[in-house]
Protein backbone atom coordinates (compact mmCIF):
# COMPACT_ATOMS: atom_id res chain seq x y z
CA UNK A 1 80.98 24.31 -88.34
CA UNK A 2 77.99 26.52 -87.66
CA UNK A 3 74.76 26.64 -89.67
CA UNK A 4 72.80 29.86 -89.88
CA UNK A 5 70.18 28.95 -92.48
CA UNK A 6 68.67 25.83 -90.89
CA UNK A 7 65.59 26.18 -88.71
CA UNK A 8 65.70 24.81 -85.17
CA UNK A 9 63.08 22.13 -84.51
CA UNK A 10 61.62 21.64 -81.04
CA UNK A 11 61.24 17.96 -80.26
CA UNK A 12 58.93 16.42 -77.64
CA UNK A 13 60.68 15.87 -74.31
CA UNK A 14 60.53 12.64 -72.35
CA UNK A 15 57.84 12.65 -69.67
CA UNK A 16 58.44 11.40 -66.13
CA UNK A 17 56.82 8.14 -67.22
CA UNK A 18 59.36 7.82 -70.04
CA UNK A 19 62.19 8.52 -67.61
CA UNK A 20 60.79 5.82 -65.31
CA UNK A 21 60.66 3.35 -68.20
CA UNK A 22 64.31 4.10 -68.98
CA UNK A 23 65.25 3.55 -65.34
CA UNK A 24 63.37 0.26 -65.18
CA UNK A 25 65.02 -0.99 -68.37
CA UNK A 26 68.47 0.01 -67.10
CA UNK A 27 67.68 -1.95 -63.93
CA UNK A 28 66.64 -4.99 -65.93
CA UNK A 29 63.07 -4.80 -64.63
CA UNK A 30 61.38 -3.88 -67.88
CA UNK A 31 61.95 -3.53 -71.62
CA UNK A 32 61.18 -0.71 -74.01
CA UNK A 33 60.05 -1.50 -77.57
CA UNK A 34 62.88 -1.20 -80.11
CA UNK A 35 61.17 1.49 -82.18
CA UNK A 36 60.56 3.64 -79.10
CA UNK A 37 64.21 3.33 -78.01
CA UNK A 38 65.44 4.20 -81.50
CA UNK A 39 63.15 7.22 -81.68
CA UNK A 40 64.44 8.51 -78.34
CA UNK A 41 68.03 7.93 -79.46
CA UNK A 42 67.31 9.78 -82.70
CA UNK A 43 65.78 12.70 -80.80
CA UNK A 44 68.80 12.88 -78.48
CA UNK A 45 71.10 12.90 -81.51
CA UNK A 46 69.08 15.61 -83.26
CA UNK A 47 69.13 17.74 -80.09
CA UNK A 48 72.91 17.33 -79.87
CA UNK A 49 73.43 18.24 -83.53
CA UNK A 50 71.19 21.29 -83.24
CA UNK A 51 73.03 22.50 -80.14
CA UNK A 52 76.44 22.05 -81.80
CA UNK A 53 75.60 23.21 -85.33
CA UNK A 54 72.86 25.79 -84.70
CA UNK A 55 73.84 26.93 -81.22
CA UNK A 56 70.27 26.31 -80.05
CA UNK A 57 68.51 23.83 -77.81
CA UNK A 58 68.97 22.24 -74.42
CA UNK A 59 71.64 19.68 -75.29
CA UNK A 60 75.32 20.07 -74.50
CA UNK A 61 77.20 21.96 -77.20
CA UNK A 62 80.45 20.75 -78.71
CA UNK A 63 82.66 22.23 -81.40
CA UNK A 64 82.42 20.26 -84.66
CA UNK A 65 85.41 21.08 -86.84
CA UNK A 66 85.85 17.99 -89.04
CA UNK A 67 83.50 15.47 -90.74
CA UNK A 68 84.99 12.60 -88.71
CA UNK A 69 83.08 14.00 -85.72
CA UNK A 70 79.84 13.38 -87.64
CA UNK A 71 80.60 9.77 -88.54
CA UNK A 72 78.71 8.32 -85.57
CA UNK A 73 75.63 10.36 -86.54
CA UNK A 74 75.91 9.23 -90.17
CA UNK A 75 76.23 5.57 -89.16
CA UNK A 76 73.19 5.90 -86.89
CA UNK A 77 71.26 7.54 -89.72
CA UNK A 78 72.11 4.74 -92.18
CA UNK A 79 70.77 2.15 -89.75
CA UNK A 80 67.39 3.76 -89.02
CA UNK A 81 64.34 1.73 -90.14
CA UNK A 82 61.68 3.20 -92.49
CA UNK A 83 59.32 3.79 -89.54
CA UNK A 84 61.64 6.59 -88.39
CA UNK A 85 61.86 8.35 -91.74
CA UNK A 86 60.97 11.73 -90.20
CA UNK A 87 63.87 11.52 -87.76
CA UNK A 88 66.16 10.25 -90.53
CA UNK A 89 65.36 13.26 -92.71
CA UNK A 90 66.02 15.64 -89.80
CA UNK A 91 69.46 14.11 -89.20
CA UNK A 92 70.16 14.08 -92.94
CA UNK A 93 69.39 17.79 -93.20
CA UNK A 94 71.66 18.75 -90.32
CA UNK A 95 74.56 16.48 -91.30
CA UNK A 96 74.23 17.20 -95.01
CA UNK A 97 74.25 20.98 -94.52
CA UNK A 98 77.23 20.75 -92.14
CA UNK A 99 79.19 18.74 -94.71
CA UNK A 100 78.39 21.26 -97.44
CA UNK A 101 79.58 24.11 -95.21
CA UNK A 102 82.82 22.26 -94.46
CA UNK A 103 83.37 21.62 -98.18
CA UNK A 104 82.86 25.32 -98.94
CA UNK A 105 85.30 26.36 -96.21
CA UNK A 106 88.03 23.97 -97.33
CA UNK A 107 87.51 24.99 -100.97
CA UNK A 108 88.09 28.62 -100.00
CA UNK A 109 91.20 27.75 -98.01
CA UNK A 110 92.67 25.68 -100.84
CA UNK A 111 91.49 28.15 -103.48
CA UNK A 112 90.14 25.24 -105.55
CA UNK A 113 86.99 23.10 -105.32
CA UNK A 114 87.08 20.33 -102.75
CA UNK A 115 85.00 17.19 -103.34
CA UNK A 116 84.53 14.43 -100.79
CA UNK A 117 84.58 11.88 -103.61
CA UNK A 118 87.99 13.10 -104.70
CA UNK A 119 89.29 12.92 -101.13
CA UNK A 120 87.90 9.39 -100.84
CA UNK A 121 89.66 8.29 -104.05
CA UNK A 122 92.96 9.70 -102.79
CA UNK A 123 92.79 7.68 -99.57
CA UNK A 124 91.62 4.53 -101.36
CA UNK A 125 94.50 4.51 -103.82
CA UNK A 126 97.01 5.19 -101.03
CA UNK A 127 95.65 2.19 -99.14
CA UNK A 128 95.40 -0.02 -102.24
CA UNK A 129 98.99 0.77 -103.20
CA UNK A 130 100.16 -0.42 -99.77
CA UNK A 131 97.88 -3.45 -99.98
CA UNK A 132 99.76 -4.64 -103.05
CA UNK A 133 103.04 -4.48 -101.08
CA UNK A 134 102.01 -6.84 -98.28
CA UNK A 135 102.82 -10.07 -100.11
CA UNK A 136 106.30 -8.74 -100.84
CA UNK A 137 107.12 -8.06 -97.18
CA UNK A 138 108.45 -10.86 -94.97
CA UNK A 139 109.17 -8.94 -91.77
CA UNK A 140 106.21 -9.18 -89.32
CA UNK A 141 107.05 -5.75 -87.90
CA UNK A 142 107.10 -4.12 -91.31
CA UNK A 143 103.91 -5.91 -92.34
CA UNK A 144 102.19 -4.69 -89.16
CA UNK A 145 103.20 -1.11 -90.01
CA UNK A 146 101.87 -1.45 -93.57
CA UNK A 147 98.57 -2.98 -92.40
CA UNK A 148 98.12 -0.11 -89.94
CA UNK A 149 98.73 2.38 -92.75
CA UNK A 150 96.22 0.60 -95.00
CA UNK A 151 93.68 0.54 -92.18
CA UNK A 152 94.04 4.30 -91.64
CA UNK A 153 93.75 5.10 -95.35
CA UNK A 154 90.70 2.88 -95.83
CA UNK A 155 89.10 4.39 -92.72
CA UNK A 156 89.32 7.88 -94.21
CA UNK A 157 88.28 6.58 -97.63
CA UNK A 158 85.13 5.18 -96.04
CA UNK A 159 84.52 8.43 -94.13
CA UNK A 160 84.79 10.66 -97.20
CA UNK A 161 82.80 8.27 -99.40
CA UNK A 162 79.93 8.40 -96.89
CA UNK A 163 80.31 12.19 -96.79
CA UNK A 164 80.01 12.35 -100.59
CA UNK A 165 76.71 10.45 -100.36
CA UNK A 166 75.37 12.47 -97.42
CA UNK A 167 76.20 15.79 -99.10
CA UNK A 168 74.71 14.54 -102.41
CA UNK A 169 77.68 15.23 -104.60
CA UNK A 170 77.21 14.73 -108.37
CA UNK A 171 77.67 11.23 -109.75
CA UNK A 172 80.60 12.30 -111.93
CA UNK A 173 82.76 12.87 -108.89
CA UNK A 174 81.98 9.48 -107.33
CA UNK A 175 82.77 7.13 -110.20
CA UNK A 176 82.83 3.50 -108.96
CA UNK A 177 83.43 4.50 -105.32
CA UNK A 178 80.87 1.93 -104.22
CA UNK A 179 83.00 -0.86 -105.71
CA UNK A 180 86.01 0.54 -103.85
CA UNK A 181 83.93 0.66 -100.67
CA UNK A 182 83.13 -3.03 -101.02
CA UNK A 183 86.74 -3.94 -101.82
CA UNK A 184 88.10 -2.05 -98.80
CA UNK A 185 85.38 -3.46 -96.52
CA UNK A 186 86.31 -7.04 -97.37
CA UNK A 187 90.02 -6.32 -96.85
CA UNK A 188 89.44 -4.64 -93.48
CA UNK A 189 87.41 -7.65 -92.36
CA UNK A 190 90.57 -9.77 -92.68
CA UNK A 191 92.57 -7.57 -90.28
CA UNK A 192 92.86 -9.37 -86.94
CA UNK A 193 93.36 -7.86 -83.49
CA UNK A 194 97.13 -8.48 -83.56
CA UNK A 195 97.51 -6.69 -86.90
CA UNK A 196 97.95 -9.86 -88.96
CA UNK A 197 95.70 -10.79 -91.87
CA UNK A 198 93.31 -13.73 -91.81
CA UNK A 199 93.11 -16.02 -94.83
CA UNK A 200 89.38 -15.29 -95.25
CA UNK A 201 87.13 -12.31 -94.46
CA UNK A 202 85.38 -12.23 -91.12
CA UNK A 203 81.78 -11.58 -92.07
CA UNK A 204 81.02 -10.30 -88.58
CA UNK A 205 83.55 -7.52 -89.22
CA UNK A 206 81.84 -6.31 -92.39
CA UNK A 207 79.62 -3.20 -92.27
CA UNK A 208 75.95 -3.87 -91.50
CA UNK A 209 73.84 -4.74 -94.53
CA UNK A 210 71.62 -1.75 -93.72
CA UNK A 211 74.56 0.63 -94.27
CA UNK A 212 75.58 -1.02 -97.54
CA UNK A 213 72.05 -0.88 -98.93
CA UNK A 214 71.65 2.74 -97.81
CA UNK A 215 74.80 3.76 -99.70
CA UNK A 216 73.97 1.68 -102.77
CA UNK A 217 70.52 3.26 -103.11
CA UNK A 218 71.94 6.78 -102.90
CA UNK A 219 75.09 6.36 -104.98
CA UNK A 220 73.98 7.96 -108.25
CA UNK A 221 76.97 6.65 -110.19
CA UNK A 222 76.19 3.10 -109.07
CA UNK A 223 72.48 3.46 -109.79
CA UNK A 224 73.24 4.64 -113.33
CA UNK A 225 75.36 1.56 -113.92
CA UNK A 226 72.75 -0.76 -112.38
CA UNK A 227 70.09 0.54 -114.76
CA UNK A 228 72.24 -0.47 -117.74
CA UNK A 229 73.89 -3.67 -116.49
CA UNK A 230 71.74 -6.64 -115.47
CA UNK A 231 74.87 -8.65 -114.65
CA UNK A 232 76.00 -6.01 -112.16
CA UNK A 233 72.60 -6.08 -110.45
CA UNK A 234 72.83 -9.84 -110.10
CA UNK A 235 76.39 -9.60 -108.79
CA UNK A 236 75.39 -6.99 -106.19
CA UNK A 237 72.50 -9.11 -104.94
CA UNK A 238 74.88 -12.06 -104.62
CA UNK A 239 77.48 -10.09 -102.65
CA UNK A 240 74.90 -8.62 -100.26
CA UNK A 241 74.24 -12.06 -98.78
CA UNK A 242 77.59 -11.84 -96.98
CA UNK A 243 76.47 -8.80 -94.96
CA UNK A 244 74.54 -9.19 -91.75
CA UNK A 245 71.49 -7.00 -90.94
CA UNK A 246 72.00 -4.52 -88.12
CA UNK A 247 69.07 -5.95 -86.17
CA UNK A 248 67.42 -9.35 -86.17
């Protein structure tokens, strides 16, 4: 993916004092305030995205060919506090434009419109179909294979759902995807390291509350339903208590 209509932004570079502070923190001799560290991390990410997507800047360039390569950037973006709104908007612009370009390219290759929401629904239903089979399987080996397949499908569902939000697709194409996101998140939190399923969700394995709130606020289909359904608003507030904040 390469963007030609996005302006390159020059960010302030770390001074020798900043580099010294980083060295001292790495050595355990000092600490850097959280907001300063996050701002530096955001700037490094923006520099990397600009180098890869715009072909400009001092950061190392890498070829971005699929949205999965942007997932780390999207997760970082969803966890940024309000104090770093400027950096968040910069990352949003770069990632959002890259996702739109990818959608255009795939639509041309398929000769029909591609929507991230539609891709997300496809992966969710593939995973949900397998999820319904688990109770009917007695062989541990077969169950492990099915759980792995569900995990993969829900992983790509989550990826494409986030892409639909980041690229600001219309609400019509993302009908009730947030509910599916919550359902798949709770299931994935029951998957243990050995591939077996725990009886109850592991709340530490759920996505950070910051990510869930970010998606909920920007899911236009969900917001339309929340405006009309007081019971749904109450239910959402109740469910959010199971999710842990990213910091603190």
